[in-house]
Amino acid sequence: MAADDAAVAAQLADVHDALLRDAEAVGLDPAALDGALERAAATYAHRRVRRFTGVLVEREVREELGLRRVSRL
C-alpha cells in the first residue's frame, strides 16, 4: 500500500506541475488551481483506480477550471 501511495503522490506532483504551467500561461490564480487539485484528489483518494489517479485528477481539474493544455509536458 505504501508503494501505491508513493506512486499516486508522484502522479499528483506531475499533474500539479503540468497544471501550474498551464494556469500561469493563462493568468489563473495558483490558489484556485491548488483548491481544485485538492478537491479532485480527495474524490479519488480511496478508490481502487490508483494507477490512473493522475489522469483522472488532471481531467477533473481542467474541466472545473476550464483550463486548456497550453504547455508541453
Protein backbone atom coordinates (compact mmCIF):
# COMPACT_ATOMS: atom_id res chain seq x y z
CA MET A 1 0.00 0.00 0.00
CA ALA A 2 2.85 2.42 0.75
CA ALA A 3 4.22 1.87 -2.76
CA ASP A 4 0.77 2.66 -4.18
CA ASP A 5 0.58 5.82 -2.07
CA ALA A 6 4.02 6.91 -3.27
CA ALA A 7 3.04 6.24 -6.88
CA VAL A 8 -0.14 8.31 -6.51
CA ALA A 9 1.80 11.13 -4.83
CA ALA A 10 4.26 11.13 -7.75
CA GLN A 11 1.39 11.22 -10.25
CA LEU A 12 -0.23 14.13 -8.44
CA ALA A 13 3.07 16.03 -8.31
CA ASP A 14 3.47 15.62 -12.07
CA VAL A 15 -0.13 16.67 -12.66
CA HIS A 16 0.31 19.70 -10.41
CA ASP A 17 3.39 20.81 -12.35
CA ALA A 18 1.64 20.48 -15.72
CA LEU A 19 -1.48 22.24 -14.49
CA LEU A 20 0.54 25.01 -12.87
CA ARG A 21 2.39 25.75 -16.12
CA ASP A 22 -0.91 25.99 -17.98
CA ALA A 23 -2.54 28.05 -15.22
CA GLU A 24 0.35 30.51 -15.21
CA ALA A 25 0.20 30.77 -19.01
CA VAL A 26 -3.40 32.00 -18.84
CA GLY A 27 -3.06 34.05 -15.64
CA LEU A 28 -5.07 31.73 -13.39
CA ASP A 29 -4.60 32.16 -9.64
CA PRO A 30 -2.42 29.31 -8.30
CA ALA A 31 -4.63 29.14 -5.19
CA ALA A 32 -7.64 28.32 -7.37
CA LEU A 33 -5.61 25.58 -9.01
CA ASP A 34 -4.48 24.16 -5.67
CA GLY A 35 -8.05 24.13 -4.37
CA ALA A 36 -9.36 22.34 -7.45
CA LEU A 37 -6.50 19.86 -7.27
CA GLU A 38 -7.21 19.09 -3.61
CA ARG A 39 -10.92 18.55 -4.30
CA ALA A 40 -10.23 16.30 -7.27
CA ALA A 41 -7.57 14.29 -5.42
CA ALA A 42 -9.95 13.79 -2.49
CA THR A 43 -12.53 12.37 -4.88
CA TYR A 44 -10.18 9.57 -5.87
CA ALA A 45 -8.28 9.13 -2.60
CA HIS A 46 -9.99 5.92 -1.53
CA ARG A 47 -10.76 4.37 -4.88
CA ARG A 48 -9.06 1.44 -6.48
CA VAL A 49 -8.06 3.36 -9.61
CA ARG A 50 -4.67 4.30 -8.22
CA ARG A 51 -2.87 3.56 -11.47
CA PHE A 52 -4.96 6.23 -13.24
CA THR A 53 -5.42 8.72 -10.42
CA GLY A 54 -3.21 11.37 -12.01
CA VAL A 55 -5.08 11.25 -15.31
CA LEU A 56 -8.47 11.41 -13.62
CA VAL A 57 -7.47 14.26 -11.34
CA GLU A 58 -5.98 16.27 -14.20
CA ARG A 59 -9.12 15.84 -16.30
CA GLU A 60 -11.38 16.88 -13.43
CA VAL A 61 -9.30 19.98 -12.57
CA ARG A 62 -9.12 21.09 -16.19
CA GLU A 63 -12.88 20.69 -16.51
CA GLU A 64 -13.61 22.57 -13.26
CA LEU A 65 -11.34 25.48 -14.15
CA GLY A 66 -11.94 25.49 -17.90
CA LEU A 67 -8.18 25.10 -18.31
CA ARG A 68 -6.88 24.04 -21.70
CA ARG A 69 -3.49 22.44 -22.19
CA VAL A 70 -1.15 25.15 -23.45
CA SER A 71 2.21 23.82 -22.30
CA ARG A 72 4.05 20.71 -23.33
CA LEU A 73 4.78 18.03 -20.78
